[in-house]
Amino acid sequence: MQARVSKLKKRKSENCIRREREEQRIKKEFHNNLARKIANALKEKRFVDPSTIEVLKEYHNNGKEGDVDVLAMNYSGDYYFIEVKSGGGHYKDALEQYQRYCEAFPNRNVRGLYITPNNFKRFPRS
């Protein structure tokens, strides 16, 4: 009887892990699709140079590293750092990512945007 209960618990645990991984995969896919949609919308804006738009970009510079969901540059040379939080992300975490990017590229004029399904904020100018 004990062995049967143990097998059931193990199977239930494996199902939970599988379900959790599938949920994470779906969230990541939703996040990445949202970032791509934002990038495509930016291509239609006249103030951004479409050739500079990058999606899901990793960076390593000045002893700092991280990633940017959407990065673009306008014709004046200002960078737009866009952090997308599709669910469960907090402004504080996004702000830390933005500040780390600004520290990695101190000579860039960076404007940051925080976007969630229910919220939109500008980060303080670098």
Foldseek 3Di string as FASTA:
>chain_A
DVVVVVVVVVVVVVVVVVVVVVVVVVQVVVQLVVLVVVLVVVCPDQFWDNVFWDAFAWDDAPNFIDTAGIWTAGPVQAIEGEDEDAPDDDPVVVLVRVVSVCNRPVPHFYKYWYDYPVDIDTHPTD
